[in-house]
Structures are given as structure tokens and as C-alpha cells.
Amino acid sequence: MGTTRHLTEAKRLCVHEWSKASRHVGDLFEDLRDGHNLISLLEVLSGEHLPRERGRMRFHMLQNVQMALDFLRYKKIKLVNIRAEDIVDGNPKLTLGLIWTIILHFQVSYFYHHYYYYYLRLFMYIYDLN
């Protein structure tokens, strides 16, 4: 029951970002297996372009998911016990863990950026008053 609730929440939070990349996610565990939706999500959230394998064999899926995981590690996002094989095999707990980690990182990053911007504007406003 808890997994279903987390799945619904994860899909709701990510569907907006995936729509920017013209990607569709019906079944979170199935649609992330090839790595294309995962890479597209990271591209939209980070604004960077990531390479991807075009094939449909397991090897290509593993390469795509590994590319996404390597990108997250490069961005200093801590991934605990999540391997490309787990995502390609559709492991629900680790897939949800990965999605939540991505959501939390980029959500915190987004709010930190905006908080800093408003703090800077407030500081400049106060400075102008003196």
C-alpha cells in the first residue's frame, strides 16, 4: 500500500518535468527501465545535455541508466545501493528511491537559488536606503 502511495506522489511531482521533454510515463517502473525517460528528466531539471544509447537491447538500457547515475554522482548527489541493473530490472523500492533523491535534490536546489536571489535583492534594497 505504501509503495502505491509513493508511486502516485512521485509520478505527480515528475509528470510536469517530463512533459517539458515530450516524454510520457504510464508505469513508472516500466518506463524508466530503458533509461531514456530518466535521462530526459535529468536534462530538463539540469538544463544540460546527456548522451544516450539508441538501441533497445539490455546492454543499451544499462548504458543509459548508468549514464544517468554517473551524472547524478558527478553532481555530488549521494546514491546509496542503487545500481543500473536495479532500475533496468524494474526494482520498485530502488526506482522510487532514485526518483525521490532526484526530486529532493533539484527541489532544494531550486528553492535555494530563489531564496538567495530574494535575499540578495533585499540586501540591495536595504543598502540603497542607507
N, C-alpha and C. Protein backbone atom coordinates (compact mmCIF):
# COMPACT_ATOMS: atom_id res chain seq x y z
N MET A 1 0.82 -1.19 0.00
CA MET A 1 0.00 0.00 0.00
C MET A 1 0.86 1.26 0.00
N GLY A 2 1.93 1.27 0.81
CA GLY A 2 2.81 2.43 0.88
C GLY A 2 3.51 2.70 -0.44
N THR A 3 3.91 1.63 -1.15
CA THR A 3 4.58 1.79 -2.43
C THR A 3 3.66 2.45 -3.44
N THR A 4 2.37 2.10 -3.43
CA THR A 4 1.41 2.69 -4.36
C THR A 4 1.26 4.18 -4.08
N ARG A 5 1.21 4.56 -2.82
CA ARG A 5 1.09 5.98 -2.46
C ARG A 5 2.33 6.75 -2.90
N HIS A 6 3.50 6.18 -2.67
CA HIS A 6 4.75 6.84 -3.08
C HIS A 6 4.85 6.91 -4.60
N LEU A 7 4.39 5.88 -5.29
CA LEU A 7 4.40 5.87 -6.75
C LEU A 7 3.55 6.99 -7.29
N THR A 8 2.34 7.15 -6.76
CA THR A 8 1.44 8.20 -7.21
C THR A 8 2.06 9.58 -6.96
N GLU A 9 2.64 9.78 -5.80
CA GLU A 9 3.27 11.06 -5.47
C GLU A 9 4.46 11.35 -6.38
N ALA A 10 5.28 10.34 -6.62
CA ALA A 10 6.44 10.52 -7.49
C ALA A 10 6.01 10.87 -8.91
N LYS A 11 5.01 10.18 -9.43
CA LYS A 11 4.53 10.48 -10.77
C LYS A 11 3.96 11.89 -10.85
N ARG A 12 3.21 12.29 -9.83
CA ARG A 12 2.62 13.63 -9.83
C ARG A 12 3.70 14.71 -9.83
N LEU A 13 4.75 14.51 -9.05
CA LEU A 13 5.80 15.51 -8.97
C LEU A 13 6.66 15.57 -10.24
N CYS A 14 6.80 14.45 -10.94
CA CYS A 14 7.69 14.40 -12.11
C CYS A 14 6.97 14.61 -13.43
N VAL A 15 5.67 14.41 -13.47
CA VAL A 15 4.97 14.44 -14.76
C VAL A 15 5.12 15.80 -15.43
N HIS A 16 5.13 16.87 -14.67
CA HIS A 16 5.28 18.20 -15.25
C HIS A 16 6.64 18.36 -15.93
N GLU A 17 7.69 17.88 -15.29
CA GLU A 17 9.03 17.99 -15.86
C GLU A 17 9.17 17.11 -17.10
N TRP A 18 8.60 15.90 -17.04
CA TRP A 18 8.69 15.01 -18.20
C TRP A 18 7.93 15.59 -19.39
N SER A 19 6.83 16.28 -19.13
CA SER A 19 6.06 16.84 -20.24
C SER A 19 6.87 17.90 -20.98
N LYS A 20 7.79 18.58 -20.29
CA LYS A 20 8.66 19.56 -20.96
C LYS A 20 9.56 18.87 -21.97
N ALA A 21 9.88 17.61 -21.74
CA ALA A 21 10.77 16.87 -22.63
C ALA A 21 9.99 16.03 -23.63
N SER A 22 8.67 16.23 -23.69
CA SER A 22 7.80 15.47 -24.60
C SER A 22 7.91 13.97 -24.37
N ARG A 23 7.95 13.56 -23.11
CA ARG A 23 8.03 12.15 -22.75
C ARG A 23 6.76 11.78 -22.01
N HIS A 24 6.35 10.53 -22.12
CA HIS A 24 5.16 10.04 -21.43
C HIS A 24 5.57 8.92 -20.48
N VAL A 25 5.04 8.98 -19.27
CA VAL A 25 5.28 7.93 -18.29
C VAL A 25 3.94 7.41 -17.81
N GLY A 26 3.66 6.14 -18.13
CA GLY A 26 2.43 5.50 -17.68
C GLY A 26 2.71 4.64 -16.46
N ASP A 27 3.69 3.77 -16.56
CA ASP A 27 4.11 2.90 -15.47
C ASP A 27 5.54 3.30 -15.11
N LEU A 28 5.71 3.89 -13.94
CA LEU A 28 7.00 4.45 -13.56
C LEU A 28 8.11 3.41 -13.62
N PHE A 29 7.83 2.21 -13.11
CA PHE A 29 8.87 1.19 -13.06
C PHE A 29 9.22 0.66 -14.45
N GLU A 30 8.24 0.54 -15.30
CA GLU A 30 8.47 0.03 -16.65
C GLU A 30 9.09 1.10 -17.56
N ASP A 31 8.61 2.32 -17.45
CA ASP A 31 9.03 3.37 -18.37
C ASP A 31 10.40 3.96 -18.06
N LEU A 32 10.96 3.65 -16.89
CA LEU A 32 12.31 4.11 -16.59
C LEU A 32 13.36 3.06 -16.94
N ARG A 33 12.93 1.86 -17.27
CA ARG A 33 13.87 0.75 -17.47
C ARG A 33 14.88 0.99 -18.58
N ASP A 34 14.48 1.62 -19.67
CA ASP A 34 15.43 1.80 -20.78
C ASP A 34 16.35 3.00 -20.58
N GLY A 35 16.07 3.82 -19.58
CA GLY A 35 16.93 4.96 -19.25
C GLY A 35 16.62 6.24 -20.01
N HIS A 36 15.83 6.17 -21.07
CA HIS A 36 15.55 7.35 -21.87
C HIS A 36 14.75 8.39 -21.09
N ASN A 37 13.69 7.96 -20.39
CA ASN A 37 12.91 8.91 -19.59
C ASN A 37 13.72 9.47 -18.43
N LEU A 38 14.57 8.65 -17.87
CA LEU A 38 15.41 9.11 -16.76
C LEU A 38 16.40 10.17 -17.25
N ILE A 39 17.02 9.93 -18.38
CA ILE A 39 17.94 10.91 -18.96
C ILE A 39 17.19 12.19 -19.34
N SER A 40 16.00 12.06 -19.92
CA SER A 40 15.21 13.24 -20.30
C SER A 40 14.85 14.07 -19.07
N LEU A 41 14.47 13.41 -17.98
CA LEU A 41 14.14 14.12 -16.75
C LEU A 41 15.36 14.90 -16.25
N LEU A 42 16.51 14.26 -16.23
CA LEU A 42 17.72 14.94 -15.77
C LEU A 42 18.12 16.10 -16.68
N GLU A 43 17.90 15.94 -17.98
CA GLU A 43 18.21 17.02 -18.92
C GLU A 43 17.33 18.23 -18.65
N VAL A 44 16.04 17.99 -18.42
CA VAL A 44 15.11 19.09 -18.17
C VAL A 44 15.44 19.78 -16.85
N LEU A 45 15.70 18.99 -15.81
CA LEU A 45 15.96 19.56 -14.49
C LEU A 45 17.30 20.29 -14.43
N SER A 46 18.31 19.76 -15.13
CA SER A 46 19.64 20.35 -15.03
C SER A 46 19.94 21.36 -16.13
N GLY A 47 19.21 21.29 -17.22
CA GLY A 47 19.49 22.16 -18.36
C GLY A 47 20.70 21.73 -19.16
N GLU A 48 21.20 20.54 -18.90
CA GLU A 48 22.36 20.01 -19.61
C GLU A 48 21.94 18.88 -20.54
N HIS A 49 22.77 18.62 -21.55
CA HIS A 49 22.51 17.54 -22.49
C HIS A 49 23.34 16.32 -22.09
N LEU A 50 22.69 15.16 -22.07
CA LEU A 50 23.39 13.92 -21.73
C LEU A 50 23.35 12.98 -22.94
N PRO A 51 24.45 12.30 -23.20
CA PRO A 51 24.45 11.32 -24.30
C PRO A 51 23.60 10.11 -23.93
N ARG A 52 23.12 9.41 -24.95
CA ARG A 52 22.31 8.22 -24.71
C ARG A 52 22.49 7.21 -25.82
N GLU A 53 22.29 5.95 -25.48
CA GLU A 53 22.34 4.86 -26.44
C GLU A 53 20.98 4.75 -27.12
N ARG A 54 20.98 4.50 -28.41
CA ARG A 54 19.73 4.42 -29.17
C ARG A 54 19.13 3.01 -29.25
N GLY A 55 19.92 2.00 -28.97
CA GLY A 55 19.45 0.63 -29.10
C GLY A 55 18.41 0.24 -28.07
N ARG A 56 17.84 -0.96 -28.24
CA ARG A 56 16.79 -1.44 -27.34
C ARG A 56 17.19 -2.70 -26.58
N MET A 57 18.43 -3.11 -26.73
CA MET A 57 18.87 -4.30 -26.02
C MET A 57 19.19 -3.95 -24.56
N ARG A 58 19.27 -4.98 -23.71
CA ARG A 58 19.56 -4.77 -22.30
C ARG A 58 20.85 -3.98 -22.10
N PHE A 59 21.85 -4.26 -22.92
CA PHE A 59 23.11 -3.54 -22.82
C PHE A 59 22.90 -2.04 -22.98
N HIS A 60 22.07 -1.63 -23.94
CA HIS A 60 21.81 -0.21 -24.18
C HIS A 60 21.04 0.40 -23.00
N MET A 61 20.10 -0.37 -22.47
CA MET A 61 19.34 0.11 -21.30
C MET A 61 20.29 0.36 -20.12
N LEU A 62 21.18 -0.61 -19.88
CA LEU A 62 22.13 -0.49 -18.78
C LEU A 62 23.04 0.73 -18.99
N GLN A 63 23.48 0.94 -20.21
CA GLN A 63 24.34 2.09 -20.52
C GLN A 63 23.62 3.41 -20.24
N ASN A 64 22.35 3.50 -20.65
CA ASN A 64 21.58 4.73 -20.44
C ASN A 64 21.36 5.01 -18.95
N VAL A 65 20.96 3.99 -18.21
CA VAL A 65 20.73 4.18 -16.78
C VAL A 65 22.04 4.50 -16.08
N GLN A 66 23.12 3.82 -16.48
CA GLN A 66 24.42 4.11 -15.88
C GLN A 66 24.86 5.54 -16.17
N MET A 67 24.56 6.03 -17.37
CA MET A 67 24.87 7.41 -17.72
C MET A 67 24.14 8.37 -16.77
N ALA A 68 22.88 8.09 -16.49
CA ALA A 68 22.10 8.93 -15.58
C ALA A 68 22.67 8.87 -14.16
N LEU A 69 23.01 7.67 -13.69
CA LEU A 69 23.56 7.52 -12.35
C LEU A 69 24.92 8.21 -12.23
N ASP A 70 25.74 8.08 -13.26
CA ASP A 70 27.05 8.75 -13.26
C ASP A 70 26.90 10.27 -13.23
N PHE A 71 25.91 10.77 -13.97
CA PHE A 71 25.64 12.21 -13.98
C PHE A 71 25.25 12.68 -12.58
N LEU A 72 24.41 11.92 -11.90
CA LEU A 72 23.99 12.28 -10.54
C LEU A 72 25.17 12.27 -9.58
N ARG A 73 26.02 11.27 -9.72
CA ARG A 73 27.22 11.23 -8.86
C ARG A 73 28.16 12.39 -9.16
N TYR A 74 28.28 12.75 -10.43
CA TYR A 74 29.09 13.89 -10.82
C TYR A 74 28.56 15.17 -10.18
N LYS A 75 27.24 15.27 -10.04
CA LYS A 75 26.61 16.42 -9.41
C LYS A 75 26.64 16.34 -7.89
N LYS A 76 27.37 15.35 -7.36
CA LYS A 76 27.54 15.16 -5.91
C LYS A 76 26.23 14.77 -5.22
N ILE A 77 25.37 14.06 -5.95
CA ILE A 77 24.13 13.55 -5.37
C ILE A 77 24.41 12.14 -4.88
N LYS A 78 24.22 11.92 -3.60
CA LYS A 78 24.57 10.64 -2.99
C LYS A 78 23.51 9.59 -3.33
N LEU A 79 23.95 8.52 -3.95
CA LEU A 79 23.08 7.39 -4.27
C LEU A 79 23.55 6.19 -3.46
N VAL A 80 22.68 5.66 -2.65
CA VAL A 80 23.06 4.55 -1.78
C VAL A 80 22.46 3.26 -2.34
N ASN A 81 23.34 2.33 -2.72
CA ASN A 81 22.93 0.99 -3.13
C ASN A 81 21.97 0.98 -4.32
N ILE A 82 22.11 1.92 -5.25
CA ILE A 82 21.30 1.93 -6.47
C ILE A 82 22.23 1.65 -7.64
N ARG A 83 21.97 0.55 -8.32
CA ARG A 83 22.78 0.17 -9.48
C ARG A 83 21.92 0.24 -10.73
N ALA A 84 22.56 0.33 -11.87
CA ALA A 84 21.83 0.38 -13.14
C ALA A 84 20.96 -0.87 -13.31
N GLU A 85 21.46 -2.02 -12.90
CA GLU A 85 20.71 -3.27 -13.04
C GLU A 85 19.40 -3.23 -12.28
N ASP A 86 19.39 -2.57 -11.13
CA ASP A 86 18.17 -2.47 -10.32
C ASP A 86 17.08 -1.70 -11.06
N ILE A 87 17.44 -0.62 -11.70
CA ILE A 87 16.47 0.20 -12.43
C ILE A 87 16.01 -0.53 -13.69
N VAL A 88 16.94 -1.13 -14.41
CA VAL A 88 16.60 -1.86 -15.64
C VAL A 88 15.70 -3.06 -15.33
N ASP A 89 15.93 -3.68 -14.18
CA ASP A 89 15.08 -4.82 -13.78
C ASP A 89 13.75 -4.37 -13.20
N GLY A 90 13.55 -3.09 -13.00
CA GLY A 90 12.28 -2.56 -12.51
C GLY A 90 12.07 -2.72 -11.01
N ASN A 91 13.13 -2.71 -10.23
CA ASN A 91 13.02 -2.83 -8.77
C ASN A 91 12.25 -1.63 -8.22
N PRO A 92 11.05 -1.86 -7.65
CA PRO A 92 10.20 -0.73 -7.22
C PRO A 92 10.82 0.13 -6.13
N LYS A 93 11.39 -0.48 -5.10
CA LYS A 93 11.93 0.30 -3.99
C LYS A 93 13.11 1.16 -4.42
N LEU A 94 14.01 0.59 -5.20
CA LEU A 94 15.19 1.36 -5.61
C LEU A 94 14.84 2.40 -6.68
N THR A 95 13.86 2.09 -7.53
CA THR A 95 13.42 3.07 -8.52
C THR A 95 12.78 4.27 -7.82
N LEU A 96 11.92 4.00 -6.85
CA LEU A 96 11.31 5.11 -6.10
C LEU A 96 12.36 5.88 -5.32
N GLY A 97 13.33 5.17 -4.74
CA GLY A 97 14.41 5.83 -4.03
C GLY A 97 15.18 6.77 -4.93
N LEU A 98 15.45 6.32 -6.15
CA LEU A 98 16.17 7.16 -7.11
C LEU A 98 15.36 8.40 -7.47
N ILE A 99 14.08 8.21 -7.76
CA ILE A 99 13.22 9.34 -8.14
C ILE A 99 13.12 10.34 -6.98
N TRP A 100 12.93 9.85 -5.76
CA TRP A 100 12.84 10.75 -4.61
C TRP A 100 14.15 11.50 -4.41
N THR A 101 15.25 10.85 -4.60
CA THR A 101 16.55 11.51 -4.46
C THR A 101 16.68 12.63 -5.48
N ILE A 102 16.27 12.37 -6.71
CA ILE A 102 16.32 13.39 -7.76
C ILE A 102 15.39 14.55 -7.41
N ILE A 103 14.17 14.24 -7.00
CA ILE A 103 13.20 15.29 -6.66
C ILE A 103 13.74 16.16 -5.53
N LEU A 104 14.21 15.53 -4.47
CA LEU A 104 14.69 16.29 -3.32
C LEU A 104 15.89 17.17 -3.68
N HIS A 105 16.82 16.63 -4.45
CA HIS A 105 17.99 17.42 -4.81
C HIS A 105 17.61 18.64 -5.63
N PHE A 106 16.84 18.44 -6.68
CA PHE A 106 16.53 19.56 -7.56
C PHE A 106 15.53 20.51 -6.93
N GLN A 107 14.66 20.01 -6.05
CA GLN A 107 13.73 20.89 -5.35
C GLN A 107 14.49 21.79 -4.38
N VAL A 108 15.39 21.22 -3.62
CA VAL A 108 16.20 22.02 -2.69
C VAL A 108 17.07 23.00 -3.46
N SER A 109 17.66 22.56 -4.55
CA SER A 109 18.49 23.42 -5.38
C SER A 109 17.68 24.59 -5.92
N TYR A 110 16.47 24.31 -6.37
CA TYR A 110 15.58 25.34 -6.93
C TYR A 110 15.23 26.38 -5.87
N PHE A 111 14.80 25.91 -4.69
CA PHE A 111 14.41 26.84 -3.64
C PHE A 111 15.60 27.60 -3.09
N TYR A 112 16.76 26.96 -3.00
CA TYR A 112 17.96 27.65 -2.53
C TYR A 112 18.31 28.79 -3.49
N HIS A 113 18.23 28.52 -4.78
CA HIS A 113 18.55 29.53 -5.78
C HIS A 113 17.61 30.73 -5.64
N HIS A 114 16.31 30.47 -5.53
CA HIS A 114 15.35 31.56 -5.42
C HIS A 114 15.46 32.30 -4.09
N TYR A 115 15.73 31.56 -3.02
CA TYR A 115 15.92 32.19 -1.72
C TYR A 115 17.11 33.13 -1.76
N TYR A 116 18.20 32.69 -2.35
CA TYR A 116 19.40 33.50 -2.47
C TYR A 116 19.11 34.77 -3.29
N TYR A 117 18.37 34.62 -4.36
CA TYR A 117 18.02 35.75 -5.22
C TYR A 117 17.24 36.80 -4.44
N TYR A 118 16.22 36.37 -3.69
CA TYR A 118 15.42 37.32 -2.94
C TYR A 118 16.20 37.93 -1.78
N TYR A 119 17.06 37.16 -1.16
CA TYR A 119 17.91 37.68 -0.09
C TYR A 119 18.84 38.75 -0.65
N LEU A 120 19.41 38.51 -1.81
CA LEU A 120 20.29 39.48 -2.44
C LEU A 120 19.54 40.76 -2.79
N ARG A 121 18.33 40.62 -3.31
CA ARG A 121 17.52 41.81 -3.63
C ARG A 121 17.16 42.60 -2.39
N LEU A 122 16.83 41.90 -1.30
CA LEU A 122 16.52 42.57 -0.03
C LEU A 122 17.75 43.32 0.47
N PHE A 123 18.90 42.67 0.40
CA PHE A 123 20.14 43.30 0.84
C PHE A 123 20.41 44.56 0.02
N MET A 124 20.23 44.49 -1.29
CA MET A 124 20.47 45.64 -2.15
C MET A 124 19.47 46.76 -1.83
N TYR A 125 18.24 46.39 -1.54
CA TYR A 125 17.22 47.38 -1.19
C TYR A 125 17.59 48.10 0.11
N ILE A 126 18.01 47.34 1.13
CA ILE A 126 18.40 47.92 2.41
C ILE A 126 19.63 48.81 2.22
N TYR A 127 20.58 48.35 1.41
CA TYR A 127 21.78 49.13 1.14
C TYR A 127 21.44 50.46 0.48
N ASP A 128 20.48 50.44 -0.43
CA ASP A 128 20.05 51.68 -1.11
C ASP A 128 19.39 52.64 -0.17
N LEU A 129 18.77 52.17 0.91
CA LEU A 129 18.10 53.04 1.86
C LEU A 129 19.10 53.84 2.70
N ASN A 130 20.28 53.31 2.87
CA ASN A 130 21.29 53.99 3.70
C ASN A 130 21.98 55.04 2.94
